[in-house]
Amino acid sequence: MEEVGYVYRSSLSEVEITAFTPVEAASYLYVEFDRPTQGRVLLFVSSVSCEDEICRALRARDLKATVERERAQPELVEEPDFSVKAVPVLDLHTKGRPRTPIPPKSPVYKPSKEILEEAFSVSYSSIGDLYARSPEASWIRLGVLRSKRDVEVRVNVDAVLSKHLAILGSTGSGKSNTVAVLIDRVVSIGGQVLVVDSHGEYVNLELAQGEVLPVQAK
């Protein structure tokens, strides 16, 4: 895995990282540590910034002279550091949210495809919880990871539909599409879905298997 930087401050809700290579916002990072407890934590990058302390200290005229000098002598240019803020989303040891902060000085990596698949493409036989004995067909494919399109995102239908489920997001973020995909996948494994569709969003839904049977309210 490619090392990108180090943790310098962390809490259960946010991790701050000094990176020596560019990191994309809305991507994932990975930290592994063994103190004070073992952890294998996946992070979601919420913001990235880049700053040159020398530039901040110089007046505009002096900064112009510095830039011109570096253009004439590229060997003088130093690569900037990047300040990264990320949210700890999953401890791969416990299959839940991290319960302890990540220790400072822990190295941070770009996760491999295998690690992302462990988090998002969990097979029915590899997860150590009460859904481990669910039939393989209970794991349905929702799509692919936006930042790594060769990684499938799968969920367990038993886990999703046995409790209340809220799909949240801003306008245009894909809530309706997610519901449509979920309906299609549930029907494809033999399930039946009742949709109370006050806005008529799903009347013309095309299913890979099965059919939509609209019922007019009276």
N, C-alpha and C. Protein backbone atom coordinates (compact mmCIF):
# COMPACT_ATOMS: atom_id res chain seq x y z
N MET A 1 0.84 -1.20 0.00
CA MET A 1 0.00 0.00 0.00
C MET A 1 0.87 1.25 0.00
N GLU A 2 0.38 2.29 -0.63
CA GLU A 2 1.12 3.55 -0.71
C GLU A 2 0.92 4.38 0.57
N GLU A 3 2.02 4.72 1.22
CA GLU A 3 1.95 5.56 2.41
C GLU A 3 1.80 7.01 1.97
N VAL A 4 0.86 7.74 2.61
CA VAL A 4 0.61 9.12 2.21
C VAL A 4 0.92 10.13 3.30
N GLY A 5 1.04 9.70 4.56
CA GLY A 5 1.32 10.65 5.62
C GLY A 5 1.15 10.03 6.99
N TYR A 6 0.94 10.92 8.01
CA TYR A 6 0.85 10.46 9.39
C TYR A 6 -0.26 11.20 10.13
N VAL A 7 -0.85 10.51 11.08
CA VAL A 7 -1.85 11.12 11.96
C VAL A 7 -1.13 12.03 12.96
N TYR A 8 -1.65 13.25 13.16
CA TYR A 8 -1.07 14.09 14.21
C TYR A 8 -2.08 14.48 15.28
N ARG A 9 -3.37 14.30 15.01
CA ARG A 9 -4.39 14.54 16.03
C ARG A 9 -5.61 13.71 15.66
N SER A 10 -6.28 13.15 16.68
CA SER A 10 -7.47 12.35 16.35
C SER A 10 -8.45 12.33 17.50
N SER A 11 -9.70 12.14 17.14
CA SER A 11 -10.78 11.90 18.10
C SER A 11 -11.66 10.81 17.49
N LEU A 12 -12.75 10.48 18.16
CA LEU A 12 -13.63 9.45 17.62
C LEU A 12 -14.43 9.96 16.42
N SER A 13 -14.47 11.28 16.23
CA SER A 13 -15.26 11.84 15.13
C SER A 13 -14.42 12.43 14.00
N GLU A 14 -13.13 12.69 14.26
CA GLU A 14 -12.30 13.30 13.22
C GLU A 14 -10.83 12.95 13.41
N VAL A 15 -10.15 12.75 12.29
CA VAL A 15 -8.72 12.46 12.30
C VAL A 15 -8.03 13.51 11.43
N GLU A 16 -6.96 14.13 11.97
CA GLU A 16 -6.20 15.12 11.22
C GLU A 16 -4.87 14.52 10.82
N ILE A 17 -4.53 14.69 9.56
CA ILE A 17 -3.38 14.01 8.96
C ILE A 17 -2.49 15.01 8.25
N THR A 18 -1.18 14.87 8.40
CA THR A 18 -0.22 15.58 7.57
C THR A 18 0.21 14.63 6.46
N ALA A 19 -0.06 15.03 5.22
CA ALA A 19 0.23 14.17 4.08
C ALA A 19 1.33 14.78 3.22
N PHE A 20 2.21 13.94 2.70
CA PHE A 20 3.28 14.43 1.83
C PHE A 20 3.01 14.11 0.37
N THR A 21 1.80 13.63 0.09
CA THR A 21 1.39 13.37 -1.29
C THR A 21 -0.08 13.77 -1.42
N PRO A 22 -0.53 14.22 -2.57
CA PRO A 22 -1.91 14.68 -2.71
C PRO A 22 -2.92 13.59 -2.37
N VAL A 23 -3.99 14.00 -1.70
CA VAL A 23 -5.09 13.10 -1.33
C VAL A 23 -6.38 13.71 -1.85
N GLU A 24 -7.22 12.92 -2.46
CA GLU A 24 -8.48 13.42 -3.01
C GLU A 24 -9.56 13.49 -1.93
N ALA A 25 -10.34 14.58 -1.96
CA ALA A 25 -11.51 14.67 -1.09
C ALA A 25 -12.52 13.60 -1.49
N ALA A 26 -13.30 13.12 -0.52
CA ALA A 26 -14.32 12.08 -0.73
C ALA A 26 -13.72 10.75 -1.14
N SER A 27 -12.44 10.54 -0.84
CA SER A 27 -11.81 9.24 -1.06
C SER A 27 -11.63 8.56 0.30
N TYR A 28 -11.02 7.39 0.31
CA TYR A 28 -10.81 6.65 1.55
C TYR A 28 -9.33 6.48 1.85
N LEU A 29 -9.01 6.47 3.14
CA LEU A 29 -7.65 6.19 3.62
C LEU A 29 -7.73 5.06 4.64
N TYR A 30 -6.58 4.54 4.99
CA TYR A 30 -6.53 3.36 5.87
C TYR A 30 -5.40 3.51 6.88
N VAL A 31 -5.71 3.19 8.14
CA VAL A 31 -4.71 3.24 9.22
C VAL A 31 -4.73 1.91 9.96
N GLU A 32 -3.56 1.40 10.26
CA GLU A 32 -3.44 0.16 11.04
C GLU A 32 -2.51 0.43 12.21
N PHE A 33 -2.93 0.04 13.42
CA PHE A 33 -2.11 0.30 14.61
C PHE A 33 -2.34 -0.80 15.63
N ASP A 34 -1.44 -0.89 16.60
CA ASP A 34 -1.57 -1.94 17.63
C ASP A 34 -1.41 -1.39 19.03
N ARG A 35 -1.55 -0.09 19.22
CA ARG A 35 -1.47 0.51 20.54
C ARG A 35 -2.52 1.62 20.66
N PRO A 36 -3.18 1.81 21.78
CA PRO A 36 -3.18 0.93 22.95
C PRO A 36 -3.95 -0.37 22.71
N THR A 37 -4.79 -0.37 21.66
CA THR A 37 -5.46 -1.60 21.25
C THR A 37 -5.26 -1.76 19.75
N GLN A 38 -5.51 -2.96 19.26
CA GLN A 38 -5.36 -3.18 17.83
C GLN A 38 -6.49 -2.50 17.06
N GLY A 39 -6.15 -1.94 15.92
CA GLY A 39 -7.17 -1.31 15.10
C GLY A 39 -6.78 -1.32 13.63
N ARG A 40 -7.78 -1.50 12.79
CA ARG A 40 -7.62 -1.40 11.34
C ARG A 40 -8.78 -0.52 10.88
N VAL A 41 -8.51 0.76 10.70
CA VAL A 41 -9.58 1.73 10.55
C VAL A 41 -9.60 2.32 9.15
N LEU A 42 -10.80 2.36 8.58
CA LEU A 42 -11.02 3.00 7.29
C LEU A 42 -11.51 4.42 7.54
N LEU A 43 -10.92 5.38 6.82
CA LEU A 43 -11.24 6.80 6.99
C LEU A 43 -11.86 7.35 5.71
N PHE A 44 -12.83 8.26 5.87
CA PHE A 44 -13.40 8.97 4.72
C PHE A 44 -12.89 10.40 4.74
N VAL A 45 -12.26 10.83 3.65
CA VAL A 45 -11.63 12.15 3.59
C VAL A 45 -12.71 13.22 3.42
N SER A 46 -12.81 14.12 4.39
CA SER A 46 -13.83 15.18 4.35
C SER A 46 -13.30 16.48 3.79
N SER A 47 -12.00 16.77 3.97
CA SER A 47 -11.43 18.01 3.42
C SER A 47 -9.93 17.87 3.26
N VAL A 48 -9.39 18.62 2.29
CA VAL A 48 -7.95 18.64 2.03
C VAL A 48 -7.54 20.09 1.79
N SER A 49 -6.46 20.51 2.42
CA SER A 49 -5.93 21.85 2.19
C SER A 49 -4.41 21.79 2.03
N CYS A 50 -3.86 22.83 1.44
CA CYS A 50 -2.43 22.89 1.18
C CYS A 50 -1.94 24.29 1.52
N GLU A 51 -0.85 24.39 2.27
CA GLU A 51 -0.38 25.69 2.72
C GLU A 51 1.14 25.71 2.77
N ASP A 52 1.69 26.85 2.42
CA ASP A 52 3.13 27.07 2.51
C ASP A 52 3.37 28.12 3.58
N GLU A 53 4.01 27.74 4.67
CA GLU A 53 4.20 28.67 5.79
C GLU A 53 5.07 29.86 5.39
N ILE A 54 6.03 29.64 4.50
CA ILE A 54 6.89 30.75 4.06
C ILE A 54 6.06 31.76 3.28
N CYS A 55 5.18 31.28 2.40
CA CYS A 55 4.32 32.18 1.63
C CYS A 55 3.45 33.03 2.55
N ARG A 56 2.93 32.42 3.59
CA ARG A 56 2.05 33.14 4.51
C ARG A 56 2.80 34.25 5.24
N ALA A 57 4.09 34.04 5.47
CA ALA A 57 4.88 35.01 6.23
C ALA A 57 5.40 36.16 5.37
N LEU A 58 5.42 35.99 4.05
CA LEU A 58 5.99 37.01 3.17
C LEU A 58 4.96 38.05 2.74
N ARG A 59 5.45 39.25 2.48
CA ARG A 59 4.61 40.26 1.85
C ARG A 59 4.45 39.92 0.37
N ALA A 60 3.43 40.49 -0.26
CA ALA A 60 3.14 40.14 -1.65
C ALA A 60 4.34 40.39 -2.55
N ARG A 61 5.04 41.52 -2.37
CA ARG A 61 6.18 41.84 -3.24
C ARG A 61 7.31 40.84 -3.04
N ASP A 62 7.57 40.47 -1.79
CA ASP A 62 8.62 39.48 -1.51
C ASP A 62 8.23 38.11 -2.04
N LEU A 63 6.94 37.80 -1.94
CA LEU A 63 6.46 36.51 -2.45
C LEU A 63 6.65 36.42 -3.96
N LYS A 64 6.40 37.53 -4.66
CA LYS A 64 6.60 37.56 -6.10
C LYS A 64 8.05 37.27 -6.45
N ALA A 65 8.98 37.86 -5.71
CA ALA A 65 10.40 37.64 -5.97
C ALA A 65 10.78 36.18 -5.71
N THR A 66 10.19 35.59 -4.67
CA THR A 66 10.47 34.18 -4.35
C THR A 66 9.98 33.26 -5.46
N VAL A 67 8.76 33.53 -5.96
CA VAL A 67 8.19 32.71 -7.03
C VAL A 67 9.04 32.82 -8.29
N GLU A 68 9.48 34.03 -8.62
CA GLU A 68 10.30 34.22 -9.82
C GLU A 68 11.64 33.50 -9.68
N ARG A 69 12.21 33.53 -8.48
CA ARG A 69 13.48 32.84 -8.25
C ARG A 69 13.32 31.33 -8.39
N GLU A 70 12.21 30.79 -7.89
CA GLU A 70 11.97 29.35 -8.00
C GLU A 70 11.71 28.94 -9.45
N ARG A 71 11.10 29.82 -10.22
CA ARG A 71 10.89 29.52 -11.64
C ARG A 71 12.23 29.42 -12.37
N ALA A 72 13.15 30.29 -11.98
CA ALA A 72 14.47 30.28 -12.61
C ALA A 72 15.32 29.12 -12.13
N GLN A 73 15.06 28.67 -10.89
CA GLN A 73 15.83 27.56 -10.32
C GLN A 73 14.86 26.52 -9.73
N PRO A 74 14.28 25.67 -10.56
CA PRO A 74 13.28 24.70 -10.10
C PRO A 74 13.77 23.79 -8.99
N GLU A 75 15.09 23.57 -8.92
CA GLU A 75 15.62 22.70 -7.87
C GLU A 75 15.41 23.27 -6.47
N LEU A 76 15.09 24.57 -6.38
CA LEU A 76 14.85 25.20 -5.08
C LEU A 76 13.43 24.93 -4.56
N VAL A 77 12.56 24.48 -5.44
CA VAL A 77 11.15 24.30 -5.06
C VAL A 77 11.00 23.07 -4.17
N GLU A 78 10.35 23.25 -3.03
CA GLU A 78 10.07 22.14 -2.12
C GLU A 78 8.61 21.71 -2.28
N GLU A 79 8.39 20.40 -2.24
CA GLU A 79 7.03 19.90 -2.35
C GLU A 79 6.23 20.29 -1.10
N PRO A 80 5.00 20.78 -1.28
CA PRO A 80 4.21 21.20 -0.12
C PRO A 80 3.64 20.00 0.64
N ASP A 81 3.28 20.24 1.89
CA ASP A 81 2.55 19.25 2.66
C ASP A 81 1.05 19.54 2.54
N PHE A 82 0.25 18.52 2.77
CA PHE A 82 -1.19 18.66 2.68
C PHE A 82 -1.81 18.37 4.05
N SER A 83 -2.77 19.20 4.43
CA SER A 83 -3.52 18.97 5.67
C SER A 83 -4.83 18.28 5.32
N VAL A 84 -5.03 17.11 5.89
CA VAL A 84 -6.19 16.28 5.55
C VAL A 84 -7.03 16.06 6.80
N LYS A 85 -8.33 16.24 6.66
CA LYS A 85 -9.27 15.89 7.72
C LYS A 85 -10.13 14.73 7.23
N ALA A 86 -10.28 13.73 8.08
CA ALA A 86 -11.02 12.53 7.68
C ALA A 86 -11.88 12.03 8.83
N VAL A 87 -12.93 11.32 8.47
CA VAL A 87 -13.87 10.76 9.46
C VAL A 87 -13.62 9.26 9.57
N PRO A 88 -13.38 8.75 10.79
CA PRO A 88 -13.24 7.29 10.96
C PRO A 88 -14.59 6.61 10.81
N VAL A 89 -14.73 5.74 9.81
CA VAL A 89 -16.05 5.17 9.52
C VAL A 89 -16.18 3.70 9.89
N LEU A 90 -15.06 2.96 9.91
CA LEU A 90 -15.19 1.52 10.16
C LEU A 90 -13.89 0.95 10.69
N ASP A 91 -14.00 0.18 11.79
CA ASP A 91 -12.88 -0.62 12.27
C ASP A 91 -13.07 -2.03 11.73
N LEU A 92 -12.15 -2.46 10.89
CA LEU A 92 -12.29 -3.75 10.24
C LEU A 92 -12.10 -4.92 11.20
N HIS A 93 -11.53 -4.66 12.39
CA HIS A 93 -11.42 -5.71 13.40
C HIS A 93 -12.78 -6.01 14.02
N THR A 94 -13.50 -4.95 14.38
CA THR A 94 -14.76 -5.11 15.12
C THR A 94 -15.99 -5.05 14.22
N LYS A 95 -15.82 -4.64 12.97
CA LYS A 95 -16.93 -4.45 12.03
C LYS A 95 -17.90 -3.37 12.52
N GLY A 96 -17.39 -2.40 13.27
CA GLY A 96 -18.22 -1.31 13.76
C GLY A 96 -17.43 -0.02 13.79
N ARG A 97 -18.03 1.03 14.38
CA ARG A 97 -17.34 2.30 14.49
C ARG A 97 -16.18 2.17 15.47
N PRO A 98 -15.05 2.85 15.20
CA PRO A 98 -13.91 2.81 16.13
C PRO A 98 -14.32 3.32 17.51
N ARG A 99 -13.80 2.68 18.55
CA ARG A 99 -14.14 3.05 19.92
C ARG A 99 -13.00 3.75 20.64
N THR A 100 -11.83 3.79 20.03
CA THR A 100 -10.70 4.51 20.61
C THR A 100 -10.07 5.38 19.53
N PRO A 101 -9.54 6.56 19.91
CA PRO A 101 -8.89 7.42 18.91
C PRO A 101 -7.65 6.74 18.32
N ILE A 102 -7.34 7.08 17.09
CA ILE A 102 -6.14 6.56 16.44
C ILE A 102 -4.91 7.25 17.04
N PRO A 103 -3.88 6.51 17.43
CA PRO A 103 -2.70 7.13 18.04
C PRO A 103 -1.99 8.08 17.07
N PRO A 104 -1.55 9.25 17.54
CA PRO A 104 -0.73 10.12 16.70
C PRO A 104 0.53 9.40 16.23
N LYS A 105 1.06 9.83 15.10
CA LYS A 105 2.23 9.26 14.43
C LYS A 105 1.94 7.95 13.72
N SER A 106 0.67 7.51 13.75
CA SER A 106 0.32 6.30 13.00
C SER A 106 0.41 6.59 11.50
N PRO A 107 1.07 5.72 10.73
CA PRO A 107 1.14 5.93 9.28
C PRO A 107 -0.22 5.74 8.62
N VAL A 108 -0.45 6.52 7.57
CA VAL A 108 -1.72 6.50 6.84
C VAL A 108 -1.45 6.05 5.41
N TYR A 109 -2.32 5.19 4.89
CA TYR A 109 -2.11 4.61 3.56
C TYR A 109 -3.34 4.82 2.68
N LYS A 110 -3.11 4.75 1.37
CA LYS A 110 -4.22 4.58 0.45
C LYS A 110 -4.61 3.10 0.49
N PRO A 111 -5.86 2.79 0.78
CA PRO A 111 -6.23 1.38 0.96
C PRO A 111 -6.14 0.58 -0.34
N SER A 112 -5.77 -0.66 -0.20
CA SER A 112 -5.73 -1.56 -1.35
C SER A 112 -7.16 -1.95 -1.74
N LYS A 113 -7.30 -2.52 -2.91
CA LYS A 113 -8.61 -3.01 -3.35
C LYS A 113 -9.14 -4.06 -2.39
N GLU A 114 -8.25 -4.91 -1.86
CA GLU A 114 -8.66 -5.97 -0.95
C GLU A 114 -9.26 -5.41 0.33
N ILE A 115 -8.68 -4.33 0.85
CA ILE A 115 -9.20 -3.73 2.08
C ILE A 115 -10.56 -3.09 1.81
N LEU A 116 -10.71 -2.40 0.69
CA LEU A 116 -12.00 -1.80 0.36
C LEU A 116 -13.07 -2.86 0.14
N GLU A 117 -12.68 -3.97 -0.47
CA GLU A 117 -13.64 -5.06 -0.65
C GLU A 117 -14.04 -5.67 0.68
N GLU A 118 -13.10 -5.73 1.61
CA GLU A 118 -13.42 -6.25 2.94
C GLU A 118 -14.46 -5.37 3.63
N ALA A 119 -14.41 -4.06 3.35
CA ALA A 119 -15.34 -3.13 3.98
C ALA A 119 -16.68 -3.04 3.25
N PHE A 120 -16.65 -3.06 1.92
CA PHE A 120 -17.85 -2.76 1.15
C PHE A 120 -18.42 -3.93 0.36
N SER A 121 -17.63 -4.97 0.16
CA SER A 121 -18.10 -6.11 -0.64
C SER A 121 -18.10 -7.38 0.19
N VAL A 122 -18.48 -7.26 1.45
CA VAL A 122 -18.40 -8.37 2.39
C VAL A 122 -19.22 -9.55 1.88
N SER A 123 -18.59 -10.71 1.77
CA SER A 123 -19.32 -11.91 1.37
C SER A 123 -19.99 -12.53 2.59
N TYR A 124 -21.00 -13.34 2.35
CA TYR A 124 -21.78 -13.87 3.47
C TYR A 124 -20.96 -14.77 4.38
N SER A 125 -19.83 -15.28 3.89
CA SER A 125 -19.05 -16.23 4.68
C SER A 125 -17.89 -15.58 5.42
N SER A 126 -17.67 -14.26 5.19
CA SER A 126 -16.46 -13.67 5.74
C SER A 126 -16.71 -12.71 6.90
N ILE A 127 -17.97 -12.42 7.20
CA ILE A 127 -18.24 -11.47 8.27
C ILE A 127 -18.60 -12.22 9.55
N GLY A 128 -18.04 -11.79 10.64
CA GLY A 128 -18.22 -12.54 11.88
C GLY A 128 -19.33 -12.02 12.75
N ASP A 129 -20.54 -11.90 12.22
CA ASP A 129 -21.66 -11.45 13.05
C ASP A 129 -22.86 -12.37 12.81
N LEU A 130 -24.02 -11.98 13.26
CA LEU A 130 -25.18 -12.86 13.21
C LEU A 130 -25.66 -13.11 11.78
N TYR A 131 -25.16 -12.31 10.81
CA TYR A 131 -25.57 -12.52 9.42
C TYR A 131 -24.62 -13.44 8.67
N ALA A 132 -23.61 -13.98 9.37
CA ALA A 132 -22.64 -14.85 8.71
C ALA A 132 -23.30 -16.11 8.15
N ARG A 133 -24.42 -16.51 8.74
CA ARG A 133 -25.07 -17.74 8.29
C ARG A 133 -26.22 -17.47 7.31
N SER A 134 -26.37 -16.19 6.92
CA SER A 134 -27.41 -15.87 5.94
C SER A 134 -27.06 -16.49 4.59
N PRO A 135 -28.07 -16.88 3.81
CA PRO A 135 -27.79 -17.42 2.48
C PRO A 135 -27.02 -16.40 1.64
N GLU A 136 -26.19 -16.89 0.76
CA GLU A 136 -25.39 -15.98 -0.07
C GLU A 136 -26.28 -15.03 -0.86
N ALA A 137 -27.46 -15.50 -1.27
CA ALA A 137 -28.38 -14.67 -2.05
C ALA A 137 -28.88 -13.47 -1.26
N SER A 138 -28.72 -13.49 0.07
CA SER A 138 -29.18 -12.37 0.88
C SER A 138 -28.28 -11.15 0.74
N TRP A 139 -27.10 -11.33 0.16
CA TRP A 139 -26.19 -10.20 -0.06
C TRP A 139 -26.44 -9.66 -1.46
N ILE A 140 -26.89 -8.42 -1.55
CA ILE A 140 -27.24 -7.84 -2.85
C ILE A 140 -26.27 -6.72 -3.20
N ARG A 141 -26.07 -6.55 -4.48
CA ARG A 141 -25.15 -5.54 -5.00
C ARG A 141 -25.90 -4.24 -5.22
N LEU A 142 -25.46 -3.17 -4.54
CA LEU A 142 -26.07 -1.85 -4.73
C LEU A 142 -25.41 -1.08 -5.86
N GLY A 143 -24.12 -1.28 -6.04
CA GLY A 143 -23.39 -0.53 -7.06
C GLY A 143 -21.90 -0.69 -6.87
N VAL A 144 -21.16 0.35 -7.23
CA VAL A 144 -19.71 0.34 -7.07
C VAL A 144 -19.29 1.57 -6.27
N LEU A 145 -18.11 1.49 -5.69
CA LEU A 145 -17.58 2.60 -4.90
C LEU A 145 -17.19 3.74 -5.84
N ARG A 146 -17.66 4.92 -5.55
CA ARG A 146 -17.43 6.05 -6.46
C ARG A 146 -15.94 6.35 -6.66
N SER A 147 -15.17 6.25 -5.60
CA SER A 147 -13.75 6.58 -5.69
C SER A 147 -12.90 5.41 -6.16
N LYS A 148 -13.51 4.22 -6.29
CA LYS A 148 -12.77 3.02 -6.72
C LYS A 148 -13.78 2.10 -7.41
N ARG A 149 -13.97 2.32 -8.70
CA ARG A 149 -15.11 1.72 -9.40
C ARG A 149 -14.98 0.22 -9.65
N ASP A 150 -13.84 -0.35 -9.33
CA ASP A 150 -13.73 -1.81 -9.45
C ASP A 150 -14.06 -2.51 -8.15
N VAL A 151 -14.56 -1.75 -7.15
CA VAL A 151 -14.96 -2.32 -5.87
C VAL A 151 -16.49 -2.27 -5.76
N GLU A 152 -17.12 -3.44 -5.63
CA GLU A 152 -18.57 -3.50 -5.49
C GLU A 152 -19.00 -3.15 -4.07
N VAL A 153 -20.18 -2.55 -3.97
CA VAL A 153 -20.79 -2.27 -2.66
C VAL A 153 -21.96 -3.22 -2.49
N ARG A 154 -21.92 -4.05 -1.44
CA ARG A 154 -22.97 -5.03 -1.18
C ARG A 154 -23.53 -4.83 0.23
N VAL A 155 -24.81 -5.13 0.39
CA VAL A 155 -25.43 -5.08 1.71
C VAL A 155 -26.21 -6.36 1.94
N ASN A 156 -26.44 -6.67 3.20
CA ASN A 156 -27.22 -7.85 3.57
C ASN A 156 -28.68 -7.46 3.72
N VAL A 157 -29.54 -8.07 2.92
CA VAL A 157 -30.96 -7.72 2.95
C VAL A 157 -31.57 -7.97 4.32
N ASP A 158 -31.18 -9.06 4.97
CA ASP A 158 -31.71 -9.36 6.30
C ASP A 158 -31.39 -8.23 7.27
N ALA A 159 -30.16 -7.71 7.18
CA ALA A 159 -29.76 -6.63 8.09
C ALA A 159 -30.46 -5.33 7.75
N VAL A 160 -30.62 -5.05 6.46
CA VAL A 160 -31.20 -3.77 6.02
C VAL A 160 -32.70 -3.71 6.28
N LEU A 161 -33.41 -4.79 6.01
CA LEU A 161 -34.87 -4.76 6.04
C LEU A 161 -35.49 -5.26 7.33
N SER A 162 -34.69 -5.80 8.24
CA SER A 162 -35.25 -6.29 9.49
C SER A 162 -35.44 -5.17 10.51
N LYS A 163 -34.94 -3.97 10.20
CA LYS A 163 -35.08 -2.82 11.09
C LYS A 163 -35.51 -1.61 10.27
N HIS A 164 -35.76 -0.49 10.95
CA HIS A 164 -36.07 0.74 10.24
C HIS A 164 -34.85 1.19 9.44
N LEU A 165 -35.08 1.73 8.25
CA LEU A 165 -34.00 2.18 7.39
C LEU A 165 -34.31 3.58 6.88
N ALA A 166 -33.36 4.50 7.01
CA ALA A 166 -33.49 5.85 6.45
C ALA A 166 -32.37 6.06 5.44
N ILE A 167 -32.73 6.53 4.26
CA ILE A 167 -31.75 6.87 3.23
C ILE A 167 -31.71 8.38 3.13
N LEU A 168 -30.62 8.98 3.57
CA LEU A 168 -30.52 10.43 3.70
C LEU A 168 -29.50 11.00 2.73
N GLY A 169 -29.72 12.23 2.31
CA GLY A 169 -28.77 12.89 1.42
C GLY A 169 -29.34 14.20 0.93
N SER A 170 -28.49 15.04 0.36
CA SER A 170 -28.94 16.31 -0.18
C SER A 170 -29.67 16.10 -1.50
N THR A 171 -30.31 17.16 -2.00
CA THR A 171 -31.03 17.08 -3.27
C THR A 171 -30.08 16.67 -4.40
N GLY A 172 -30.49 15.68 -5.16
CA GLY A 172 -29.69 15.24 -6.29
C GLY A 172 -28.57 14.28 -5.95
N SER A 173 -28.51 13.82 -4.71
CA SER A 173 -27.40 12.95 -4.30
C SER A 173 -27.65 11.47 -4.62
N GLY A 174 -28.88 11.13 -5.03
CA GLY A 174 -29.14 9.76 -5.45
C GLY A 174 -30.01 8.93 -4.52
N LYS A 175 -30.80 9.59 -3.66
CA LYS A 175 -31.64 8.85 -2.72
C LYS A 175 -32.67 7.99 -3.46
N SER A 176 -33.39 8.62 -4.41
CA SER A 176 -34.42 7.88 -5.14
C SER A 176 -33.81 6.74 -5.95
N ASN A 177 -32.67 6.98 -6.54
CA ASN A 177 -32.01 5.93 -7.31
C ASN A 177 -31.60 4.77 -6.41
N THR A 178 -31.11 5.09 -5.21
CA THR A 178 -30.73 4.04 -4.26
C THR A 178 -31.94 3.18 -3.88
N VAL A 179 -33.08 3.84 -3.64
CA VAL A 179 -34.30 3.10 -3.32
C VAL A 179 -34.70 2.22 -4.50
N ALA A 180 -34.61 2.76 -5.72
CA ALA A 180 -34.98 1.99 -6.91
C ALA A 180 -34.09 0.76 -7.08
N VAL A 181 -32.79 0.93 -6.86
CA VAL A 181 -31.86 -0.20 -6.96
C VAL A 181 -32.18 -1.23 -5.88
N LEU A 182 -32.46 -0.76 -4.67
CA LEU A 182 -32.78 -1.67 -3.57
C LEU A 182 -34.04 -2.47 -3.88
N ILE A 183 -35.06 -1.80 -4.42
CA ILE A 183 -36.29 -2.51 -4.81
C ILE A 183 -35.99 -3.58 -5.85
N ASP A 184 -35.24 -3.19 -6.88
CA ASP A 184 -34.91 -4.12 -7.96
C ASP A 184 -34.16 -5.34 -7.45
N ARG A 185 -33.20 -5.12 -6.56
CA ARG A 185 -32.39 -6.24 -6.05
C ARG A 185 -33.22 -7.16 -5.15
N VAL A 186 -34.09 -6.58 -4.33
CA VAL A 186 -34.93 -7.41 -3.45
C VAL A 186 -35.87 -8.27 -4.28
N VAL A 187 -36.48 -7.68 -5.31
CA VAL A 187 -37.38 -8.44 -6.18
C VAL A 187 -36.61 -9.54 -6.92
N SER A 188 -35.36 -9.26 -7.29
CA SER A 188 -34.58 -10.23 -8.06
C SER A 188 -34.26 -11.49 -7.27
N ILE A 189 -34.31 -11.42 -5.93
CA ILE A 189 -34.06 -12.61 -5.12
C ILE A 189 -35.36 -13.21 -4.56
N GLY A 190 -36.49 -12.78 -5.16
CA GLY A 190 -37.77 -13.38 -4.80
C GLY A 190 -38.59 -12.62 -3.79
N GLY A 191 -38.15 -11.42 -3.41
CA GLY A 191 -38.90 -10.64 -2.44
C GLY A 191 -40.03 -9.85 -3.08
N GLN A 192 -40.96 -9.39 -2.24
CA GLN A 192 -42.05 -8.53 -2.69
C GLN A 192 -41.94 -7.22 -1.93
N VAL A 193 -42.15 -6.11 -2.64
CA VAL A 193 -41.97 -4.79 -2.05
C VAL A 193 -43.25 -3.98 -2.24
N LEU A 194 -43.76 -3.41 -1.15
CA LEU A 194 -44.90 -2.50 -1.22
C LEU A 194 -44.37 -1.08 -1.11
N VAL A 195 -44.62 -0.26 -2.12
CA VAL A 195 -44.11 1.11 -2.16
C VAL A 195 -45.27 2.08 -2.05
N VAL A 196 -45.28 2.91 -1.03
CA VAL A 196 -46.25 4.01 -0.92
C VAL A 196 -45.60 5.20 -1.62
N ASP A 197 -46.04 5.46 -2.85
CA ASP A 197 -45.33 6.38 -3.75
C ASP A 197 -46.15 7.64 -3.97
N SER A 198 -46.10 8.57 -3.04
CA SER A 198 -46.95 9.76 -3.12
C SER A 198 -46.56 10.70 -4.26
N HIS A 199 -45.32 10.61 -4.73
CA HIS A 199 -44.86 11.50 -5.81
C HIS A 199 -44.80 10.80 -7.17
N GLY A 200 -45.18 9.54 -7.23
CA GLY A 200 -45.18 8.83 -8.50
C GLY A 200 -43.80 8.59 -9.08
N GLU A 201 -42.80 8.45 -8.24
CA GLU A 201 -41.42 8.29 -8.73
C GLU A 201 -41.14 6.89 -9.26
N TYR A 202 -41.88 5.90 -8.77
CA TYR A 202 -41.53 4.51 -9.07
C TYR A 202 -42.56 3.78 -9.93
N VAL A 203 -43.55 4.50 -10.45
CA VAL A 203 -44.60 3.87 -11.26
C VAL A 203 -44.00 3.24 -12.51
N ASN A 204 -43.03 3.91 -13.11
CA ASN A 204 -42.42 3.42 -14.36
C ASN A 204 -41.09 2.72 -14.11
N LEU A 205 -40.89 2.25 -12.90
CA LEU A 205 -39.65 1.55 -12.58
C LEU A 205 -39.51 0.29 -13.41
N GLU A 206 -38.35 0.12 -14.05
CA GLU A 206 -38.08 -1.08 -14.84
C GLU A 206 -37.26 -2.05 -14.01
N LEU A 207 -37.80 -3.23 -13.80
CA LEU A 207 -37.15 -4.24 -12.97
C LEU A 207 -36.48 -5.28 -13.85
N ALA A 208 -35.33 -5.78 -13.38
CA ALA A 208 -34.65 -6.85 -14.11
C ALA A 208 -35.49 -8.12 -14.11
N GLN A 209 -36.19 -8.34 -13.00
CA GLN A 209 -37.11 -9.47 -12.88
C GLN A 209 -38.38 -8.98 -12.21
N GLY A 210 -39.49 -9.65 -12.46
CA GLY A 210 -40.74 -9.24 -11.84
C GLY A 210 -41.35 -8.05 -12.56
N GLU A 211 -42.40 -7.49 -11.98
CA GLU A 211 -43.10 -6.37 -12.60
C GLU A 211 -43.67 -5.45 -11.54
N VAL A 212 -43.93 -4.20 -11.97
CA VAL A 212 -44.54 -3.20 -11.09
C VAL A 212 -46.05 -3.25 -11.30
N LEU A 213 -46.80 -3.34 -10.21
CA LEU A 213 -48.26 -3.39 -10.27
C LEU A 213 -48.82 -2.16 -9.56
N PRO A 214 -49.07 -1.07 -10.30
CA PRO A 214 -49.58 0.16 -9.66
C PRO A 214 -51.00 -0.05 -9.13
N VAL A 215 -51.27 0.50 -7.97
CA VAL A 215 -52.60 0.44 -7.36
C VAL A 215 -53.03 1.87 -7.08
N GLN A 216 -54.16 2.29 -7.65
CA GLN A 216 -54.64 3.65 -7.47
C GLN A 216 -55.37 3.78 -6.14
N ALA A 217 -55.00 4.77 -5.35
CA ALA A 217 -55.68 4.99 -4.07
C ALA A 217 -57.10 5.48 -4.31
N LYS A 218 -58.02 5.04 -3.48
CA LYS A 218 -59.42 5.47 -3.60
C LYS A 218 -59.87 6.12 -2.32
